[in-house]
C-alpha cells in the first residue's frame, strides 16, 4: 500500500513538472529573431548558389551547318525564320551571302560555311529543315542561313573541352571550346569575334 502511494505521488510530481506548450507559446517560438550568424550564413549560401546558377551556366542555341553542330549564346538571337529568300548582292560574295527582307527590314546575310570553311548549306531537295537565324549584338543586326536548328541547351563554362588540333583552322579560330550534347560534340562559337569579323566584311 505504501509503495502504491509513493508511485502515485511520483507520477503526480512528474505531471506537474511537465510544461504544456500552448499555441501561444508556439507562436512565440516562431517570432523569435534568429541569431545574426545564422542569417549571415543563409545569405552567403544563397548568394553562392545564385552565382553558380547564373554566372557559370550558359544558355545557347544549337544549330547545324553542313556536318558541324555549332552554338551561340541565346542572348544574341532575335528570331528564327522558316520561309525566307536570300537575294544576292552585285559585286559582293565570299562571306556576304546576300540580303533578306525580314518584316520589312533589309538585313545583310552572312555565309558561315565561307567564314568557317565548312561544307556548304545543303541543296534544295533537303531544304525543309533550313532556317534563317537573325542575330544582334551591340546594335549590330544581321542574319545567316543554317541547315537545321536543334534548340536551346545549357552548359557550364568548366565543362568546355579545348578545341582539338584536328579541327579546321578557320573553325578553330572562332570556337572557344566544345561541349557534349546528345552524344554529339558541339562547337561553341565566340560571338564577339564572329560579329567583329562579319561587321568588317559588311563594311
C-alpha atoms as a PDB file:
ATOM      1  CA  UNK A   1       0.000   0.000   0.000  1.00  0.00           C
ATOM      2  CA  UNK A   2       2.844   2.347   0.879  1.00  0.00           C
ATOM      3  CA  UNK A   3       4.622   1.520  -2.359  1.00  0.00           C
ATOM      4  CA  UNK A   4       1.457   2.338  -4.366  1.00  0.00           C
ATOM      5  CA  UNK A   5       1.112   5.717  -2.681  1.00  0.00           C
ATOM      6  CA  UNK A   6       4.754   6.545  -3.384  1.00  0.00           C
ATOM      7  CA  UNK A   7       4.341   5.591  -7.028  1.00  0.00           C
ATOM      8  CA  UNK A   8       1.208   7.749  -7.335  1.00  0.00           C
ATOM      9  CA  UNK A   9       2.965  10.700  -5.702  1.00  0.00           C
ATOM     10  CA  UNK A  10       5.954  10.345  -8.065  1.00  0.00           C
ATOM     11  CA  UNK A  11       3.703  10.229 -11.130  1.00  0.00           C
ATOM     12  CA  UNK A  12       1.804  13.252  -9.872  1.00  0.00           C
ATOM     13  CA  UNK A  13       5.039  15.192  -9.387  1.00  0.00           C
ATOM     14  CA  UNK A  14       6.232  14.270 -12.902  1.00  0.00           C
ATOM     15  CA  UNK A  15       2.995  15.513 -14.460  1.00  0.00           C
ATOM     16  CA  UNK A  16       3.355  18.786 -12.599  1.00  0.00           C
ATOM     17  CA  UNK A  17       6.939  19.141 -13.819  1.00  0.00           C
ATOM     18  CA  UNK A  18       5.983  18.766 -17.481  1.00  0.00           C
ATOM     19  CA  UNK A  19       5.337  22.124 -19.043  1.00  0.00           C
ATOM     20  CA  UNK A  20       2.458  22.139 -21.504  1.00  0.00           C
ATOM     21  CA  UNK A  21       3.169  24.046 -24.741  1.00  0.00           C
ATOM     22  CA  UNK A  22       0.194  26.143 -25.728  1.00  0.00           C
ATOM     23  CA  UNK A  23      -0.464  27.625 -29.191  1.00  0.00           C
ATOM     24  CA  UNK A  24       0.587  30.959 -27.750  1.00  0.00           C
ATOM     25  CA  UNK A  25       3.967  29.511 -26.738  1.00  0.00           C
ATOM     26  CA  UNK A  26       4.471  28.081 -30.248  1.00  0.00           C
ATOM     27  CA  UNK A  27       3.813  31.441 -31.825  1.00  0.00           C
ATOM     28  CA  UNK A  28       6.424  32.979 -29.529  1.00  0.00           C
ATOM     29  CA  UNK A  29       8.955  30.410 -30.739  1.00  0.00           C
ATOM     30  CA  UNK A  30       8.247  31.330 -34.354  1.00  0.00           C
ATOM     31  CA  UNK A  31       8.514  35.019 -33.551  1.00  0.00           C
ATOM     32  CA  UNK A  32      11.991  34.655 -32.074  1.00  0.00           C
ATOM     33  CA  UNK A  33      14.672  36.531 -34.001  1.00  0.00           C
ATOM     34  CA  UNK A  34      17.295  34.107 -35.397  1.00  0.00           C
ATOM     35  CA  UNK A  35      20.931  34.760 -34.484  1.00  0.00           C
ATOM     36  CA  UNK A  36      22.898  37.134 -36.717  1.00  0.00           C
ATOM     37  CA  UNK A  37      25.376  34.374 -37.618  1.00  0.00           C
ATOM     38  CA  UNK A  38      22.536  32.191 -38.861  1.00  0.00           C
ATOM     39  CA  UNK A  39      21.179  34.922 -41.148  1.00  0.00           C
ATOM     40  CA  UNK A  40      24.635  35.731 -42.499  1.00  0.00           C
ATOM     41  CA  UNK A  41      25.327  32.071 -43.274  1.00  0.00           C
ATOM     42  CA  UNK A  42      21.995  31.638 -45.081  1.00  0.00           C
ATOM     43  CA  UNK A  43      22.575  34.781 -47.126  1.00  0.00           C
ATOM     44  CA  UNK A  44      26.072  33.614 -48.074  1.00  0.00           C
ATOM     45  CA  UNK A  45      24.852  30.201 -49.231  1.00  0.00           C
ATOM     46  CA  UNK A  46      22.012  31.664 -51.305  1.00  0.00           C
ATOM     47  CA  UNK A  47      24.373  34.165 -52.931  1.00  0.00           C
ATOM     48  CA  UNK A  48      26.863  31.397 -53.752  1.00  0.00           C
ATOM     49  CA  UNK A  49      24.140  29.259 -55.311  1.00  0.00           C
ATOM     50  CA  UNK A  50      22.890  32.170 -57.428  1.00  0.00           C
ATOM     51  CA  UNK A  51      26.442  32.764 -58.627  1.00  0.00           C
ATOM     52  CA  UNK A  52      26.749  29.122 -59.642  1.00  0.00           C
ATOM     53  CA  UNK A  53      23.343  29.022 -61.329  1.00  0.00           C
ATOM     54  CA  UNK A  54      23.570  32.354 -63.156  1.00  0.00           C
ATOM     55  CA  UNK A  55      27.265  33.018 -63.575  1.00  0.00           C
ATOM     56  CA  UNK A  56      28.510  29.574 -64.554  1.00  0.00           C
ATOM     57  CA  UNK A  57      25.704  28.213 -66.730  1.00  0.00           C
ATOM     58  CA  UNK A  58      25.475  29.451 -70.311  1.00  0.00           C
ATOM     59  CA  UNK A  59      22.337  29.174 -72.427  1.00  0.00           C
ATOM     60  CA  UNK A  60      22.978  28.602 -76.145  1.00  0.00           C
ATOM     61  CA  UNK A  61      21.078  27.880 -79.341  1.00  0.00           C
ATOM     62  CA  UNK A  62      22.412  24.853 -81.205  1.00  0.00           C
ATOM     63  CA  UNK A  63      22.261  24.693 -84.997  1.00  0.00           C
ATOM     64  CA  UNK A  64      23.824  22.678 -87.784  1.00  0.00           C
ATOM     65  CA  UNK A  65      25.841  23.972 -90.724  1.00  0.00           C
ATOM     66  CA  UNK A  66      26.806  21.187 -93.088  1.00  0.00           C
ATOM     67  CA  UNK A  67      28.073  18.381 -90.879  1.00  0.00           C
ATOM     68  CA  UNK A  68      29.053  20.627 -87.947  1.00  0.00           C
ATOM     69  CA  UNK A  69      26.941  21.335 -84.863  1.00  0.00           C
ATOM     70  CA  UNK A  70      27.564  24.838 -83.581  1.00  0.00           C
ATOM     71  CA  UNK A  71      26.186  27.069 -80.856  1.00  0.00           C
ATOM     72  CA  UNK A  72      25.913  30.751 -79.991  1.00  0.00           C
ATOM     73  CA  UNK A  73      24.641  32.367 -76.767  1.00  0.00           C
ATOM     74  CA  UNK A  74      20.874  32.839 -76.713  1.00  0.00           C
ATOM     75  CA  UNK A  75      21.457  36.488 -75.764  1.00  0.00           C
ATOM     76  CA  UNK A  76      22.383  37.323 -79.379  1.00  0.00           C
ATOM     77  CA  UNK A  77      19.447  35.558 -81.047  1.00  0.00           C
ATOM     78  CA  UNK A  78      16.442  37.553 -82.201  1.00  0.00           C
ATOM     79  CA  UNK A  79      14.355  35.076 -84.181  1.00  0.00           C
ATOM     80  CA  UNK A  80      14.391  32.042 -86.478  1.00  0.00           C
ATOM     81  CA  UNK A  81      12.750  32.397 -89.898  1.00  0.00           C
ATOM     82  CA  UNK A  82      11.215  29.372 -91.643  1.00  0.00           C
ATOM     83  CA  UNK A  83      10.407  30.760 -95.078  1.00  0.00           C
ATOM     84  CA  UNK A  84      12.948  33.176 -96.477  1.00  0.00           C
ATOM     85  CA  UNK A  85      14.766  34.221 -99.619  1.00  0.00           C
ATOM     86  CA  UNK A  86      18.319  35.493 -99.724  1.00  0.00           C
ATOM     87  CA  UNK A  87      18.971  37.784-102.691  1.00  0.00           C
ATOM     88  CA  UNK A  88      22.494  38.070-104.000  1.00  0.00           C
ATOM     89  CA  UNK A  89      24.244  41.430-103.863  1.00  0.00           C
ATOM     90  CA  UNK A  90      26.032  42.584-107.047  1.00  0.00           C
ATOM     91  CA  UNK A  91      29.824  42.662-106.788  1.00  0.00           C
ATOM     92  CA  UNK A  92      29.699  41.052-103.360  1.00  0.00           C
ATOM     93  CA  UNK A  93      30.473  37.481-102.490  1.00  0.00           C
ATOM     94  CA  UNK A  94      32.500  35.367-100.165  1.00  0.00           C
ATOM     95  CA  UNK A  95      31.276  35.825 -96.603  1.00  0.00           C
ATOM     96  CA  UNK A  96      28.399  38.055 -97.773  1.00  0.00           C
ATOM     97  CA  UNK A  97      25.636  35.635 -98.774  1.00  0.00           C
ATOM     98  CA  UNK A  98      23.206  38.401 -99.783  1.00  0.00           C
ATOM     99  CA  UNK A  99      20.287  40.298 -98.304  1.00  0.00           C
ATOM    100  CA  UNK A 100      16.929  39.204 -96.951  1.00  0.00           C
ATOM    101  CA  UNK A 101      13.769  41.125 -96.124  1.00  0.00           C
ATOM    102  CA  UNK A 102      12.625  40.353 -92.586  1.00  0.00           C
ATOM    103  CA  UNK A 103       9.388  42.071 -91.546  1.00  0.00           C
ATOM    104  CA  UNK A 104      10.082  44.938 -93.922  1.00  0.00           C
ATOM    105  CA  UNK A 105      13.703  45.309 -92.834  1.00  0.00           C
ATOM    106  CA  UNK A 106      16.623  44.587 -95.156  1.00  0.00           C
ATOM    107  CA  UNK A 107      19.267  42.519 -93.425  1.00  0.00           C
ATOM    108  CA  UNK A 108      22.685  41.514 -94.665  1.00  0.00           C
ATOM    109  CA  UNK A 109      23.168  37.760 -94.546  1.00  0.00           C
ATOM    110  CA  UNK A 110      26.451  36.044 -93.809  1.00  0.00           C
ATOM    111  CA  UNK A 111      27.723  32.728 -95.097  1.00  0.00           C
ATOM    112  CA  UNK A 112      29.048  30.729 -92.153  1.00  0.00           C
ATOM    113  CA  UNK A 113      30.350  27.959 -94.429  1.00  0.00           C
ATOM    114  CA  UNK A 114      32.527  30.520 -96.215  1.00  0.00           C
ATOM    115  CA  UNK A 115      33.709  32.107 -92.976  1.00  0.00           C
ATOM    116  CA  UNK A 116      34.390  28.836 -91.147  1.00  0.00           C
ATOM    117  CA  UNK A 117      35.351  26.882 -94.286  1.00  0.00           C
ATOM    118  CA  UNK A 118      32.684  24.302 -93.705  1.00  0.00           C
ATOM    119  CA  UNK A 119      30.569  22.184 -96.022  1.00  0.00           C
ATOM    120  CA  UNK A 120      28.125  24.362 -97.949  1.00  0.00           C
ATOM    121  CA  UNK A 121      24.463  24.634 -96.969  1.00  0.00           C
ATOM    122  CA  UNK A 122      22.557  21.584 -98.250  1.00  0.00           C
ATOM    123  CA  UNK A 123      20.841  21.527-101.644  1.00  0.00           C
ATOM    124  CA  UNK A 124      17.216  22.496-102.267  1.00  0.00           C
ATOM    125  CA  UNK A 125      15.944  18.904-102.034  1.00  0.00           C
ATOM    126  CA  UNK A 126      16.921  18.926 -98.330  1.00  0.00           C
ATOM    127  CA  UNK A 127      15.762  22.474 -97.631  1.00  0.00           C
ATOM    128  CA  UNK A 128      12.764  21.583 -95.424  1.00  0.00           C
ATOM    129  CA  UNK A 129      14.852  21.964 -92.261  1.00  0.00           C
ATOM    130  CA  UNK A 130      16.791  25.043 -93.369  1.00  0.00           C
ATOM    131  CA  UNK A 131      16.285  28.211 -91.364  1.00  0.00           C
ATOM    132  CA  UNK A 132      17.449  31.803 -91.356  1.00  0.00           C
ATOM    133  CA  UNK A 133      18.719  32.924 -87.971  1.00  0.00           C
ATOM    134  CA  UNK A 134      18.549  36.620 -87.075  1.00  0.00           C
ATOM    135  CA  UNK A 135      21.123  37.776 -84.528  1.00  0.00           C
ATOM    136  CA  UNK A 136      22.018  41.073 -82.874  1.00  0.00           C
ATOM    137  CA  UNK A 137      24.879  42.228 -80.698  1.00  0.00           C
ATOM    138  CA  UNK A 138      25.624  45.792 -79.590  1.00  0.00           C
ATOM    139  CA  UNK A 139      23.118  47.202 -82.119  1.00  0.00           C
ATOM    140  CA  UNK A 140      24.699  45.200 -84.953  1.00  0.00           C
ATOM    141  CA  UNK A 141      21.924  43.151 -86.571  1.00  0.00           C
ATOM    142  CA  UNK A 142      22.369  40.515 -89.280  1.00  0.00           C
ATOM    143  CA  UNK A 143      21.275  37.029 -90.340  1.00  0.00           C
ATOM    144  CA  UNK A 144      22.721  33.789 -91.617  1.00  0.00           C
ATOM    145  CA  UNK A 145      21.217  30.597 -93.101  1.00  0.00           C
ATOM    146  CA  UNK A 146      21.712  27.242 -91.358  1.00  0.00           C
ATOM    147  CA  UNK A 147      20.812  23.687 -92.324  1.00  0.00           C
ATOM    148  CA  UNK A 148      18.923  22.967 -89.133  1.00  0.00           C
ATOM    149  CA  UNK A 149      18.058  24.463 -85.742  1.00  0.00           C
ATOM    150  CA  UNK A 150      18.298  21.947 -82.902  1.00  0.00           C
ATOM    151  CA  UNK A 151      17.080  24.045 -79.983  1.00  0.00           C
ATOM    152  CA  UNK A 152      18.256  25.618 -76.731  1.00  0.00           C
ATOM    153  CA  UNK A 153      20.713  23.902 -74.384  1.00  0.00           C
ATOM    154  CA  UNK A 154      22.826  24.855 -71.370  1.00  0.00           C
ATOM    155  CA  UNK A 155      26.381  24.077 -70.423  1.00  0.00           C
ATOM    156  CA  UNK A 156      28.747  25.121 -67.648  1.00  0.00           C
ATOM    157  CA  UNK A 157      31.885  27.018 -68.508  1.00  0.00           C
ATOM    158  CA  UNK A 158      34.031  24.467 -66.739  1.00  0.00           C
ATOM    159  CA  UNK A 159      32.645  21.722 -68.968  1.00  0.00           C
ATOM    160  CA  UNK A 160      34.070  23.181 -72.195  1.00  0.00           C
ATOM    161  CA  UNK A 161      36.589  20.914 -73.903  1.00  0.00           C
ATOM    162  CA  UNK A 162      39.606  22.543 -75.614  1.00  0.00           C
ATOM    163  CA  UNK A 163      39.435  22.760 -79.398  1.00  0.00           C
ATOM    164  CA  UNK A 164      41.306  19.790 -80.911  1.00  0.00           C
ATOM    165  CA  UNK A 165      44.137  20.350 -83.360  1.00  0.00           C
ATOM    166  CA  UNK A 166      42.270  18.308 -85.971  1.00  0.00           C
ATOM    167  CA  UNK A 167      39.533  20.951 -86.284  1.00  0.00           C
ATOM    168  CA  UNK A 168      39.622  23.177 -89.363  1.00  0.00           C
ATOM    169  CA  UNK A 169      41.850  26.184 -88.663  1.00  0.00           C
ATOM    170  CA  UNK A 170      39.142  28.716 -89.552  1.00  0.00           C
ATOM    171  CA  UNK A 171      36.576  26.937 -87.393  1.00  0.00           C
ATOM    172  CA  UNK A 172      39.030  26.635 -84.505  1.00  0.00           C
ATOM    173  CA  UNK A 173      39.718  30.388 -84.641  1.00  0.00           C
ATOM    174  CA  UNK A 174      36.072  31.194 -83.925  1.00  0.00           C
ATOM    175  CA  UNK A 175      35.467  28.369 -81.437  1.00  0.00           C
ATOM    176  CA  UNK A 176      36.045  28.876 -77.707  1.00  0.00           C
ATOM    177  CA  UNK A 177      35.505  25.214 -76.884  1.00  0.00           C
ATOM    178  CA  UNK A 178      33.377  22.107 -77.309  1.00  0.00           C
ATOM    179  CA  UNK A 179      30.688  20.587 -75.110  1.00  0.00           C
ATOM    180  CA  UNK A 180      28.759  17.322 -75.240  1.00  0.00           C
ATOM    181  CA  UNK A 181      25.093  17.338 -76.187  1.00  0.00           C
ATOM    182  CA  UNK A 182      23.036  14.229 -77.029  1.00  0.00           C
ATOM    183  CA  UNK A 183      26.149  12.191 -77.787  1.00  0.00           C
ATOM    184  CA  UNK A 184      27.463  14.915 -80.090  1.00  0.00           C
ATOM    185  CA  UNK A 185      30.259  17.422 -79.812  1.00  0.00           C
ATOM    186  CA  UNK A 186      29.023  20.993 -80.270  1.00  0.00           C
ATOM    187  CA  UNK A 187      31.367  23.855 -81.108  1.00  0.00           C
ATOM    188  CA  UNK A 188      30.644  26.966 -79.049  1.00  0.00           C
ATOM    189  CA  UNK A 189      31.385  29.987 -81.222  1.00  0.00           C
ATOM    190  CA  UNK A 190      32.970  33.212 -79.983  1.00  0.00           C
ATOM    191  CA  UNK A 191      30.117  35.643 -80.655  1.00  0.00           C
ATOM    192  CA  UNK A 192      32.283  38.732 -80.084  1.00  0.00           C
ATOM    193  CA  UNK A 193      34.891  37.679 -82.659  1.00  0.00           C
ATOM    194  CA  UNK A 194      32.217  36.460 -85.058  1.00  0.00           C
ATOM    195  CA  UNK A 195      30.364  39.783 -85.058  1.00  0.00           C
ATOM    196  CA  UNK A 196      33.614  41.719 -85.323  1.00  0.00           C
ATOM    197  CA  UNK A 197      34.679  39.778 -88.440  1.00  0.00           C
ATOM    198  CA  UNK A 198      31.264  39.940 -90.092  1.00  0.00           C
ATOM    199  CA  UNK A 199      30.908  43.661 -89.487  1.00  0.00           C
ATOM    200  CA  UNK A 200      34.298  44.246 -91.141  1.00  0.00           C
ATOM    201  CA  UNK A 201      33.231  42.121 -94.107  1.00  0.00           C
ATOM    202  CA  UNK A 202      29.931  44.006 -94.478  1.00  0.00           C
ATOM    203  CA  UNK A 203      31.581  47.453 -94.315  1.00  0.00           C
END
